Amino acid sequence: MLNIRKAAELGWEFGEPPEPIIWSGYFMWMVLMEALRR
């Protein structure tokens, strides 16, 4: 949430976001699937 404004300004969804964003995305992907299962 803290980084989504910067992501919109720099086009990170189609570009190359910083590593912490990517690793946070991996974790979020995992918990989204676990939430879906539960």
PDB file of all heavy atoms in Angstrom:
ATOM      1  N   MET A   1       0.828  -1.206   0.000  1.00  0.00           N
ATOM      2  CA  MET A   1       0.000   0.000   0.000  1.00  0.00           C
ATOM      3  C   MET A   1       0.869   1.265   0.000  1.00  0.00           C
ATOM      4  O   MET A   1       0.578   2.232  -0.700  1.00  0.00           O
ATOM      5  CB  MET A   1      -0.926  -0.003   1.224  1.00  0.00           C
ATOM      6  CG  MET A   1      -1.923   1.144   1.276  1.00  0.00           C
ATOM      7  SD  MET A   1      -1.253   2.612   2.107  1.00  0.00           S
ATOM      8  CE  MET A   1      -0.990   1.971   3.757  1.00  0.00           C
ATOM      9  N   LEU A   2       1.955   1.234   0.776  1.00  0.00           N
ATOM     10  CA  LEU A   2       2.849   2.396   0.839  1.00  0.00           C
ATOM     11  C   LEU A   2       3.542   2.659  -0.498  1.00  0.00           C
ATOM     12  O   LEU A   2       3.913   3.804  -0.792  1.00  0.00           O
ATOM     13  CB  LEU A   2       3.910   2.182   1.927  1.00  0.00           C
ATOM     14  CG  LEU A   2       3.424   2.216   3.376  1.00  0.00           C
ATOM     15  CD1 LEU A   2       4.591   1.943   4.326  1.00  0.00           C
ATOM     16  CD2 LEU A   2       2.776   3.556   3.713  1.00  0.00           C
ATOM     17  N   ASN A   3       3.715   1.614  -1.313  1.00  0.00           N
ATOM     18  CA  ASN A   3       4.472   1.747  -2.553  1.00  0.00           C
ATOM     19  C   ASN A   3       3.615   1.787  -3.808  1.00  0.00           C
ATOM     20  O   ASN A   3       4.156   1.955  -4.906  1.00  0.00           O
ATOM     21  CB  ASN A   3       5.477   0.592  -2.665  1.00  0.00           C
ATOM     22  CG  ASN A   3       6.659   0.754  -1.733  1.00  0.00           C
ATOM     23  OD1 ASN A   3       7.633   1.443  -2.050  1.00  0.00           O
ATOM     24  ND2 ASN A   3       6.579   0.118  -0.569  1.00  0.00           N
ATOM     25  N   ILE A   4       2.296   1.626  -3.668  1.00  0.00           N
ATOM     26  CA  ILE A   4       1.463   1.514  -4.863  1.00  0.00           C
ATOM     27  C   ILE A   4       1.382   2.838  -5.620  1.00  0.00           C
ATOM     28  O   ILE A   4       1.265   2.858  -6.850  1.00  0.00           O
ATOM     29  CB  ILE A   4       0.046   1.000  -4.491  1.00  0.00           C
ATOM     30  CG1 ILE A   4      -0.704   0.545  -5.746  1.00  0.00           C
ATOM     31  CG2 ILE A   4      -0.740   2.054  -3.742  1.00  0.00           C
ATOM     32  CD1 ILE A   4      -0.128  -0.658  -6.419  1.00  0.00           C
ATOM     33  N   ARG A   5       1.468   3.971  -4.923  1.00  0.00           N
ATOM     34  CA  ARG A   5       1.444   5.273  -5.612  1.00  0.00           C
ATOM     35  C   ARG A   5       2.695   5.420  -6.478  1.00  0.00           C
ATOM     36  O   ARG A   5       2.616   5.848  -7.643  1.00  0.00           O
ATOM     37  CB  ARG A   5       1.354   6.410  -4.601  1.00  0.00           C
ATOM     38  CG  ARG A   5       1.228   7.804  -5.230  1.00  0.00           C
ATOM     39  CD  ARG A   5       1.129   8.875  -4.158  1.00  0.00           C
ATOM     40  NE  ARG A   5      -0.124   8.827  -3.436  1.00  0.00           N
ATOM     41  CZ  ARG A   5      -1.151   9.641  -3.655  1.00  0.00           C
ATOM     42  NH1 ARG A   5      -1.061  10.569  -4.600  1.00  0.00           N
ATOM     43  NH2 ARG A   5      -2.261   9.538  -2.960  1.00  0.00           N
ATOM     44  N   LYS A   6       3.831   5.063  -5.924  1.00  0.00           N
ATOM     45  CA  LYS A   6       5.076   5.139  -6.681  1.00  0.00           C
ATOM     46  C   LYS A   6       5.051   4.158  -7.849  1.00  0.00           C
ATOM     47  O   LYS A   6       5.550   4.453  -8.946  1.00  0.00           O
ATOM     48  CB  LYS A   6       6.263   4.851  -5.765  1.00  0.00           C
ATOM     49  CG  LYS A   6       7.613   5.154  -6.382  1.00  0.00           C
ATOM     50  CD  LYS A   6       8.727   4.989  -5.360  1.00  0.00           C
ATOM     51  CE  LYS A   6      10.092   5.337  -5.958  1.00  0.00           C
ATOM     52  NZ  LYS A   6      11.196   5.162  -4.967  1.00  0.00           N
ATOM     53  N   ALA A   7       4.461   2.987  -7.619  1.00  0.00           N
ATOM     54  CA  ALA A   7       4.351   1.993  -8.692  1.00  0.00           C
ATOM     55  C   ALA A   7       3.536   2.546  -9.858  1.00  0.00           C
ATOM     56  O   ALA A   7       3.875   2.326 -11.030  1.00  0.00           O
ATOM     57  CB  ALA A   7       3.710   0.723  -8.152  1.00  0.00           C
ATOM     58  N   ALA A   8       2.464   3.278  -9.559  1.00  0.00           N
ATOM     59  CA  ALA A   8       1.647   3.865 -10.619  1.00  0.00           C
ATOM     60  C   ALA A   8       2.406   4.944 -11.373  1.00  0.00           C
ATOM     61  O   ALA A   8       2.300   5.060 -12.599  1.00  0.00           O
ATOM     62  CB  ALA A   8       0.367   4.450 -10.018  1.00  0.00           C
ATOM     63  N   GLU A   9       3.193   5.727 -10.649  1.00  0.00           N
ATOM     64  CA  GLU A   9       3.958   6.807 -11.286  1.00  0.00           C
ATOM     65  C   GLU A   9       5.049   6.266 -12.198  1.00  0.00           C
ATOM     66  O   GLU A   9       5.321   6.822 -13.271  1.00  0.00           O
ATOM     67  CB  GLU A   9       4.582   7.694 -10.206  1.00  0.00           C
ATOM     68  CG  GLU A   9       3.559   8.492  -9.398  1.00  0.00           C
ATOM     69  CD  GLU A   9       4.190   9.184  -8.197  1.00  0.00           C
ATOM     70  OE1 GLU A   9       5.392   8.909  -7.920  1.00  0.00           O
ATOM     71  OE2 GLU A   9       3.493   9.974  -7.531  1.00  0.00           O
ATOM     72  N   LEU A  10       5.681   5.153 -11.796  1.00  0.00           N
ATOM     73  CA  LEU A  10       6.825   4.623 -12.539  1.00  0.00           C
ATOM     74  C   LEU A  10       6.467   3.439 -13.437  1.00  0.00           C
ATOM     75  O   LEU A  10       7.345   2.887 -14.107  1.00  0.00           O
ATOM     76  CB  LEU A  10       7.935   4.217 -11.564  1.00  0.00           C
ATOM     77  CG  LEU A  10       8.478   5.349 -10.669  1.00  0.00           C
ATOM     78  CD1 LEU A  10       9.540   4.807  -9.709  1.00  0.00           C
ATOM     79  CD2 LEU A  10       9.069   6.465 -11.527  1.00  0.00           C
ATOM     80  N   GLY A  11       5.200   3.033 -13.432  1.00  0.00           N
ATOM     81  CA  GLY A  11       4.771   1.936 -14.298  1.00  0.00           C
ATOM     82  C   GLY A  11       5.385   0.600 -13.936  1.00  0.00           C
ATOM     83  O   GLY A  11       5.729  -0.186 -14.816  1.00  0.00           O
ATOM     84  N   TRP A  12       5.498   0.324 -12.645  1.00  0.00           N
ATOM     85  CA  TRP A  12       6.154  -0.908 -12.221  1.00  0.00           C
ATOM     86  C   TRP A  12       5.393  -2.170 -12.633  1.00  0.00           C
ATOM     87  O   TRP A  12       5.982  -3.245 -12.738  1.00  0.00           O
ATOM     88  CB  TRP A  12       6.318  -0.909 -10.698  1.00  0.00           C
ATOM     89  CG  TRP A  12       7.459  -0.051 -10.234  1.00  0.00           C
ATOM     90  CD1 TRP A  12       8.435   0.510 -11.008  1.00  0.00           C
ATOM     91  CD2 TRP A  12       7.739   0.336  -8.883  1.00  0.00           C
ATOM     92  NE1 TRP A  12       9.312   1.225 -10.225  1.00  0.00           N
ATOM     93  CE2 TRP A  12       8.911   1.138  -8.915  1.00  0.00           C
ATOM     94  CE3 TRP A  12       7.133   0.103  -7.650  1.00  0.00           C
ATOM     95  CZ2 TRP A  12       9.476   1.676  -7.759  1.00  0.00           C
ATOM     96  CZ3 TRP A  12       7.684   0.645  -6.503  1.00  0.00           C
ATOM     97  CH2 TRP A  12       8.836   1.416  -6.555  1.00  0.00           C
ATOM     98  N   GLU A  13       4.059  -2.070 -12.848  1.00  0.00           N
ATOM     99  CA  GLU A  13       3.320  -3.284 -13.203  1.00  0.00           C
ATOM    100  C   GLU A  13       3.778  -3.851 -14.539  1.00  0.00           C
ATOM    101  O   GLU A  13       3.601  -5.045 -14.815  1.00  0.00           O
ATOM    102  CB  GLU A  13       1.805  -3.022 -13.222  1.00  0.00           C
ATOM    103  CG  GLU A  13       1.327  -2.108 -14.335  1.00  0.00           C
ATOM    104  CD  GLU A  13       1.270  -0.656 -13.894  1.00  0.00           C
ATOM    105  OE1 GLU A  13       2.093  -0.246 -13.052  1.00  0.00           O
ATOM    106  OE2 GLU A  13       0.396   0.064 -14.396  1.00  0.00           O
ATOM    107  N   PHE A  14       4.377  -2.985 -15.405  1.00  0.00           N
ATOM    108  CA  PHE A  14       4.914  -3.456 -16.679  1.00  0.00           C
ATOM    109  C   PHE A  14       6.438  -3.359 -16.734  1.00  0.00           C
ATOM    110  O   PHE A  14       7.045  -3.761 -17.720  1.00  0.00           O
ATOM    111  CB  PHE A  14       4.324  -2.643 -17.836  1.00  0.00           C
ATOM    112  CG  PHE A  14       2.840  -2.795 -17.984  1.00  0.00           C
ATOM    113  CD1 PHE A  14       1.985  -1.742 -17.670  1.00  0.00           C
ATOM    114  CD2 PHE A  14       2.284  -3.984 -18.421  1.00  0.00           C
ATOM    115  CE1 PHE A  14       0.608  -1.865 -17.802  1.00  0.00           C
ATOM    116  CE2 PHE A  14       0.913  -4.125 -18.554  1.00  0.00           C
ATOM    117  CZ  PHE A  14       0.068  -3.065 -18.237  1.00  0.00           C
ATOM    118  N   GLY A  15       7.030  -2.789 -15.701  1.00  0.00           N
ATOM    119  CA  GLY A  15       8.480  -2.578 -15.703  1.00  0.00           C
ATOM    120  C   GLY A  15       9.201  -3.527 -14.776  1.00  0.00           C
ATOM    121  O   GLY A  15       8.832  -4.705 -14.654  1.00  0.00           O
ATOM    122  N   GLU A  16      10.205  -2.990 -14.108  1.00  0.00           N
ATOM    123  CA  GLU A  16      10.999  -3.812 -13.205  1.00  0.00           C
ATOM    124  C   GLU A  16      10.991  -3.168 -11.820  1.00  0.00           C
ATOM    125  O   GLU A  16      11.830  -2.321 -11.502  1.00  0.00           O
ATOM    126  CB  GLU A  16      12.438  -3.934 -13.729  1.00  0.00           C
ATOM    127  CG  GLU A  16      12.537  -4.672 -15.053  1.00  0.00           C
ATOM    128  CD  GLU A  16      13.983  -4.829 -15.517  1.00  0.00           C
ATOM    129  OE1 GLU A  16      14.890  -4.397 -14.778  1.00  0.00           O
ATOM    130  OE2 GLU A  16      14.188  -5.396 -16.598  1.00  0.00           O
ATOM    131  N   PRO A  17      10.048  -3.564 -10.957  1.00  0.00           N
ATOM    132  CA  PRO A  17      10.001  -3.000  -9.609  1.00  0.00           C
ATOM    133  C   PRO A  17      11.184  -3.482  -8.771  1.00  0.00           C
ATOM    134  O   PRO A  17      11.820  -4.497  -9.108  1.00  0.00           O
ATOM    135  CB  PRO A  17       8.678  -3.528  -9.057  1.00  0.00           C
ATOM    136  CG  PRO A  17       8.395  -4.753  -9.851  1.00  0.00           C
ATOM    137  CD  PRO A  17       8.963  -4.517 -11.213  1.00  0.00           C
ATOM    138  N   PRO A  18      11.489  -2.809  -7.682  1.00  0.00           N
ATOM    139  CA  PRO A  18      12.599  -3.221  -6.812  1.00  0.00           C
ATOM    140  C   PRO A  18      12.378  -4.632  -6.248  1.00  0.00           C
ATOM    141  O   PRO A  18      11.249  -5.114  -6.154  1.00  0.00           O
ATOM    142  CB  PRO A  18      12.585  -2.173  -5.695  1.00  0.00           C
ATOM    143  CG  PRO A  18      11.836  -1.012  -6.265  1.00  0.00           C
ATOM    144  CD  PRO A  18      10.847  -1.573  -7.229  1.00  0.00           C
ATOM    145  N   GLU A  19      13.459  -5.266  -5.856  1.00  0.00           N
ATOM    146  CA  GLU A  19      13.396  -6.629  -5.329  1.00  0.00           C
ATOM    147  C   GLU A  19      12.446  -6.765  -4.145  1.00  0.00           C
ATOM    148  O   GLU A  19      11.706  -7.752  -4.064  1.00  0.00           O
ATOM    149  CB  GLU A  19      14.808  -7.101  -4.935  1.00  0.00           C
ATOM    150  CG  GLU A  19      15.660  -7.552  -6.119  1.00  0.00           C
ATOM    151  CD  GLU A  19      15.091  -8.793  -6.795  1.00  0.00           C
ATOM    152  OE1 GLU A  19      14.792  -9.779  -6.084  1.00  0.00           O
ATOM    153  OE2 GLU A  19      14.916  -8.774  -8.019  1.00  0.00           O
ATOM    154  N   PRO A  20      12.452  -5.806  -3.167  1.00  0.00           N
ATOM    155  CA  PRO A  20      11.514  -5.968  -2.045  1.00  0.00           C
ATOM    156  C   PRO A  20      10.050  -6.034  -2.491  1.00  0.00           C
ATOM    157  O   PRO A  20       9.251  -6.761  -1.891  1.00  0.00           O
ATOM    158  CB  PRO A  20      11.782  -4.717  -1.192  1.00  0.00           C
ATOM    159  CG  PRO A  20      13.174  -4.323  -1.520  1.00  0.00           C
ATOM    160  CD  PRO A  20      13.349  -4.657  -2.967  1.00  0.00           C
ATOM    161  N   ILE A  21       9.718  -5.293  -3.539  1.00  0.00           N
ATOM    162  CA  ILE A  21       8.343  -5.344  -4.053  1.00  0.00           C
ATOM    163  C   ILE A  21       8.049  -6.722  -4.630  1.00  0.00           C
ATOM    164  O   ILE A  21       6.981  -7.308  -4.400  1.00  0.00           O
ATOM    165  CB  ILE A  21       8.127  -4.248  -5.127  1.00  0.00           C
ATOM    166  CG1 ILE A  21       8.298  -2.853  -4.531  1.00  0.00           C
ATOM    167  CG2 ILE A  21       6.752  -4.389  -5.779  1.00  0.00           C
ATOM    168  CD1 ILE A  21       7.231  -2.464  -3.554  1.00  0.00           C
ATOM    169  N   ILE A  22       8.998  -7.256  -5.385  1.00  0.00           N
ATOM    170  CA  ILE A  22       8.819  -8.582  -5.988  1.00  0.00           C
ATOM    171  C   ILE A  22       8.640  -9.641  -4.906  1.00  0.00           C
ATOM    172  O   ILE A  22       7.723 -10.470  -4.974  1.00  0.00           O
ATOM    173  CB  ILE A  22      10.012  -8.924  -6.901  1.00  0.00           C
ATOM    174  CG1 ILE A  22      10.003  -8.032  -8.156  1.00  0.00           C
ATOM    175  CG2 ILE A  22       9.976 -10.395  -7.305  1.00  0.00           C
ATOM    176  CD1 ILE A  22       8.813  -8.253  -9.059  1.00  0.00           C
ATOM    177  N   TRP A  23       9.509  -9.623  -3.882  1.00  0.00           N
ATOM    178  CA  TRP A  23       9.417 -10.635  -2.829  1.00  0.00           C
ATOM    179  C   TRP A  23       8.131 -10.467  -2.021  1.00  0.00           C
ATOM    180  O   TRP A  23       7.516 -11.459  -1.608  1.00  0.00           O
ATOM    181  CB  TRP A  23      10.645 -10.591  -1.928  1.00  0.00           C
ATOM    182  CG  TRP A  23      11.831 -11.226  -2.593  1.00  0.00           C
ATOM    183  CD1 TRP A  23      12.868 -10.615  -3.223  1.00  0.00           C
ATOM    184  CD2 TRP A  23      12.062 -12.640  -2.731  1.00  0.00           C
ATOM    185  NE1 TRP A  23      13.740 -11.538  -3.751  1.00  0.00           N
ATOM    186  CE2 TRP A  23      13.276 -12.795  -3.458  1.00  0.00           C
ATOM    187  CE3 TRP A  23      11.390 -13.779  -2.319  1.00  0.00           C
ATOM    188  CZ2 TRP A  23      13.811 -14.041  -3.760  1.00  0.00           C
ATOM    189  CZ3 TRP A  23      11.923 -15.029  -2.618  1.00  0.00           C
ATOM    190  CH2 TRP A  23      13.118 -15.145  -3.337  1.00  0.00           C
ATOM    191  N   SER A  24       7.711  -9.238  -1.820  1.00  0.00           N
ATOM    192  CA  SER A  24       6.422  -9.006  -1.163  1.00  0.00           C
ATOM    193  C   SER A  24       5.285  -9.556  -2.017  1.00  0.00           C
ATOM    194  O   SER A  24       4.307 -10.120  -1.501  1.00  0.00           O
ATOM    195  CB  SER A  24       6.206  -7.508  -0.931  1.00  0.00           C
ATOM    196  OG  SER A  24       7.177  -6.981  -0.056  1.00  0.00           O
ATOM    197  N   GLY A  25       5.427  -9.402  -3.349  1.00  0.00           N
ATOM    198  CA  GLY A  25       4.428  -9.940  -4.258  1.00  0.00           C
ATOM    199  C   GLY A  25       4.357 -11.458  -4.210  1.00  0.00           C
ATOM    200  O   GLY A  25       3.262 -12.035  -4.250  1.00  0.00           O
ATOM    201  N   TYR A  26       5.513 -12.120  -4.104  1.00  0.00           N
ATOM    202  CA  TYR A  26       5.522 -13.582  -3.977  1.00  0.00           C
ATOM    203  C   TYR A  26       4.731 -14.013  -2.742  1.00  0.00           C
ATOM    204  O   TYR A  26       3.906 -14.949  -2.790  1.00  0.00           O
ATOM    205  CB  TYR A  26       6.954 -14.111  -3.851  1.00  0.00           C
ATOM    206  CG  TYR A  26       7.811 -13.958  -5.087  1.00  0.00           C
ATOM    207  CD1 TYR A  26       9.207 -13.943  -4.987  1.00  0.00           C
ATOM    208  CD2 TYR A  26       7.257 -13.834  -6.356  1.00  0.00           C
ATOM    209  CE1 TYR A  26      10.017 -13.809  -6.098  1.00  0.00           C
ATOM    210  CE2 TYR A  26       8.054 -13.696  -7.485  1.00  0.00           C
ATOM    211  CZ  TYR A  26       9.435 -13.681  -7.343  1.00  0.00           C
ATOM    212  OH  TYR A  26      10.244 -13.541  -8.451  1.00  0.00           O
ATOM    213  N   PHE A  27       5.010 -13.339  -1.633  1.00  0.00           N
ATOM    214  CA  PHE A  27       4.333 -13.703  -0.386  1.00  0.00           C
ATOM    215  C   PHE A  27       2.834 -13.430  -0.492  1.00  0.00           C
ATOM    216  O   PHE A  27       2.010 -14.255  -0.072  1.00  0.00           O
ATOM    217  CB  PHE A  27       4.936 -12.920   0.790  1.00  0.00           C
ATOM    218  CG  PHE A  27       4.343 -13.294   2.119  1.00  0.00           C
ATOM    219  CD1 PHE A  27       4.777 -14.427   2.791  1.00  0.00           C
ATOM    220  CD2 PHE A  27       3.331 -12.529   2.688  1.00  0.00           C
ATOM    221  CE1 PHE A  27       4.217 -14.785   4.014  1.00  0.00           C
ATOM    222  CE2 PHE A  27       2.767 -12.872   3.908  1.00  0.00           C
ATOM    223  CZ  PHE A  27       3.222 -14.010   4.575  1.00  0.00           C
ATOM    224  N   MET A  28       2.476 -12.297  -1.080  1.00  0.00           N
ATOM    225  CA  MET A  28       1.060 -11.962  -1.224  1.00  0.00           C
ATOM    226  C   MET A  28       0.352 -12.974  -2.115  1.00  0.00           C
ATOM    227  O   MET A  28      -0.784 -13.396  -1.824  1.00  0.00           O
ATOM    228  CB  MET A  28       0.907 -10.550  -1.790  1.00  0.00           C
ATOM    229  CG  MET A  28      -0.540 -10.108  -2.006  1.00  0.00           C
ATOM    230  SD  MET A  28      -1.528 -10.083  -0.498  1.00  0.00           S
ATOM    231  CE  MET A  28      -1.013  -8.507   0.182  1.00  0.00           C
ATOM    232  N   TRP A  29       0.996 -13.381  -3.188  1.00  0.00           N
ATOM    233  CA  TRP A  29       0.433 -14.408  -4.082  1.00  0.00           C
ATOM    234  C   TRP A  29       0.134 -15.674  -3.289  1.00  0.00           C
ATOM    235  O   TRP A  29      -0.937 -16.275  -3.406  1.00  0.00           O
ATOM    236  CB  TRP A  29       1.434 -14.685  -5.195  1.00  0.00           C
ATOM    237  CG  TRP A  29       0.883 -15.395  -6.394  1.00  0.00           C
ATOM    238  CD1 TRP A  29      -0.225 -16.183  -6.462  1.00  0.00           C
ATOM    239  CD2 TRP A  29       1.440 -15.390  -7.718  1.00  0.00           C
ATOM    240  NE1 TRP A  29      -0.389 -16.670  -7.742  1.00  0.00           N
ATOM    241  CE2 TRP A  29       0.619 -16.205  -8.534  1.00  0.00           C
ATOM    242  CE3 TRP A  29       2.561 -14.792  -8.288  1.00  0.00           C
ATOM    243  CZ2 TRP A  29       0.894 -16.424  -9.875  1.00  0.00           C
ATOM    244  CZ3 TRP A  29       2.830 -15.020  -9.638  1.00  0.00           C
ATOM    245  CH2 TRP A  29       2.005 -15.817 -10.424  1.00  0.00           C
ATOM    246  N   MET A  30       1.094 -16.073  -2.450  1.00  0.00           N
ATOM    247  CA  MET A  30       0.929 -17.292  -1.661  1.00  0.00           C
ATOM    248  C   MET A  30      -0.242 -17.170  -0.684  1.00  0.00           C
ATOM    249  O   MET A  30      -1.101 -18.062  -0.596  1.00  0.00           O
ATOM    250  CB  MET A  30       2.212 -17.580  -0.886  1.00  0.00           C
ATOM    251  CG  MET A  30       2.137 -18.835  -0.014  1.00  0.00           C
ATOM    252  SD  MET A  30       3.517 -18.951   1.138  1.00  0.00           S
ATOM    253  CE  MET A  30       3.045 -17.708   2.350  1.00  0.00           C
ATOM    254  N   VAL A  31      -0.323 -16.054   0.051  1.00  0.00           N
ATOM    255  CA  VAL A  31      -1.386 -15.942   1.053  1.00  0.00           C
ATOM    256  C   VAL A  31      -2.753 -15.755   0.384  1.00  0.00           C
ATOM    257  O   VAL A  31      -3.776 -16.163   0.946  1.00  0.00           O
ATOM    258  CB  VAL A  31      -1.107 -14.800   2.057  1.00  0.00           C
ATOM    259  CG1 VAL A  31       0.150 -15.097   2.857  1.00  0.00           C
ATOM    260  CG2 VAL A  31      -1.035 -13.445   1.389  1.00  0.00           C
ATOM    261  N   LEU A  32      -2.787 -15.166  -0.804  1.00  0.00           N
ATOM    262  CA  LEU A  32      -4.056 -15.057  -1.521  1.00  0.00           C
ATOM    263  C   LEU A  32      -4.598 -16.437  -1.880  1.00  0.00           C
ATOM    264  O   LEU A  32      -5.801 -16.698  -1.764  1.00  0.00           O
ATOM    265  CB  LEU A  32      -3.888 -14.215  -2.787  1.00  0.00           C
ATOM    266  CG  LEU A  32      -3.754 -12.707  -2.603  1.00  0.00           C
ATOM    267  CD1 LEU A  32      -3.379 -12.042  -3.927  1.00  0.00           C
ATOM    268  CD2 LEU A  32      -5.045 -12.103  -2.064  1.00  0.00           C
ATOM    269  N   MET A  33      -3.718 -17.314  -2.313  1.00  0.00           N
ATOM    270  CA  MET A  33      -4.152 -18.665  -2.646  1.00  0.00           C
ATOM    271  C   MET A  33      -4.564 -19.443  -1.392  1.00  0.00           C
ATOM    272  O   MET A  33      -5.530 -20.214  -1.416  1.00  0.00           O
ATOM    273  CB  MET A  33      -3.029 -19.409  -3.385  1.00  0.00           C
ATOM    274  CG  MET A  33      -2.715 -18.841  -4.772  1.00  0.00           C
ATOM    275  SD  MET A  33      -4.125 -18.856  -5.927  1.00  0.00           S
ATOM    276  CE  MET A  33      -4.683 -17.141  -5.829  1.00  0.00           C
ATOM    277  N   GLU A  34      -3.862 -19.231  -0.291  1.00  0.00           N
ATOM    278  CA  GLU A  34      -4.244 -19.894   0.952  1.00  0.00           C
ATOM    279  C   GLU A  34      -5.579 -19.352   1.465  1.00  0.00           C
ATOM    280  O   GLU A  34      -6.419 -20.113   1.957  1.00  0.00           O
ATOM    281  CB  GLU A  34      -3.147 -19.700   2.003  1.00  0.00           C
ATOM    282  CG  GLU A  34      -3.484 -20.215   3.393  1.00  0.00           C
ATOM    283  CD  GLU A  34      -3.760 -21.716   3.478  1.00  0.00           C
ATOM    284  OE1 GLU A  34      -3.556 -22.433   2.460  1.00  0.00           O
ATOM    285  OE2 GLU A  34      -4.183 -22.181   4.548  1.00  0.00           O
ATOM    286  N   ALA A  35      -5.797 -18.049   1.344  1.00  0.00           N
ATOM    287  CA  ALA A  35      -7.088 -17.469   1.735  1.00  0.00           C
ATOM    288  C   ALA A  35      -8.209 -18.025   0.862  1.00  0.00           C
ATOM    289  O   ALA A  35      -9.315 -18.306   1.349  1.00  0.00           O
ATOM    290  CB  ALA A  35      -7.031 -15.955   1.629  1.00  0.00           C
ATOM    291  N   LEU A  36      -7.918 -18.208  -0.416  1.00  0.00           N
ATOM    292  CA  LEU A  36      -8.898 -18.779  -1.336  1.00  0.00           C
ATOM    293  C   LEU A  36      -9.244 -20.209  -0.928  1.00  0.00           C
ATOM    294  O   LEU A  36     -10.413 -20.611  -0.951  1.00  0.00           O
ATOM    295  CB  LEU A  36      -8.326 -18.748  -2.758  1.00  0.00           C
ATOM    296  CG  LEU A  36      -9.287 -18.778  -3.938  1.00  0.00           C
ATOM    297  CD1 LEU A  36     -10.208 -17.581  -3.916  1.00  0.00           C
ATOM    298  CD2 LEU A  36      -8.510 -18.822  -5.251  1.00  0.00           C
ATOM    299  N   ARG A  37      -8.218 -20.970  -0.528  1.00  0.00           N
ATOM    300  CA  ARG A  37      -8.452 -22.359  -0.098  1.00  0.00           C
ATOM    301  C   ARG A  37      -9.307 -22.407   1.160  1.00  0.00           C
ATOM    302  O   ARG A  37     -10.235 -23.213   1.278  1.00  0.00           O
ATOM    303  CB  ARG A  37      -7.122 -23.062   0.150  1.00  0.00           C
ATOM    304  CG  ARG A  37      -7.269 -24.536   0.544  1.00  0.00           C
ATOM    305  CD  ARG A  37      -5.952 -25.144   0.961  1.00  0.00           C
ATOM    306  NE  ARG A  37      -5.496 -24.632   2.242  1.00  0.00           N
ATOM    307  CZ  ARG A  37      -5.907 -25.094   3.427  1.00  0.00           C
ATOM    308  NH1 ARG A  37      -6.804 -26.062   3.473  1.00  0.00           N
ATOM    309  NH2 ARG A  37      -5.440 -24.594   4.546  1.00  0.00           N
ATOM    310  N   ARG A  38      -9.004 -21.520   2.108  1.00  0.00           N
ATOM    311  CA  ARG A  38      -9.724 -21.567   3.380  1.00  0.00           C
ATOM    312  C   ARG A  38     -11.176 -21.122   3.243  1.00  0.00           C
ATOM    313  O   ARG A  38     -12.058 -21.657   3.925  1.00  0.00           O
ATOM    314  CB  ARG A  38      -9.004 -20.699   4.418  1.00  0.00           C
ATOM    315  CG  ARG A  38      -7.646 -21.233   4.811  1.00  0.00           C
ATOM    316  CD  ARG A  38      -7.145 -20.592   6.079  1.00  0.00           C
ATOM    317  NE  ARG A  38      -5.818 -21.058   6.430  1.00  0.00           N
ATOM    318  CZ  ARG A  38      -5.299 -20.981   7.645  1.00  0.00           C
ATOM    319  NH1 ARG A  38      -6.000 -20.438   8.628  1.00  0.00           N
ATOM    320  NH2 ARG A  38      -4.066 -21.426   7.894  1.00  0.00           N
TER     321      ARG A  38
END
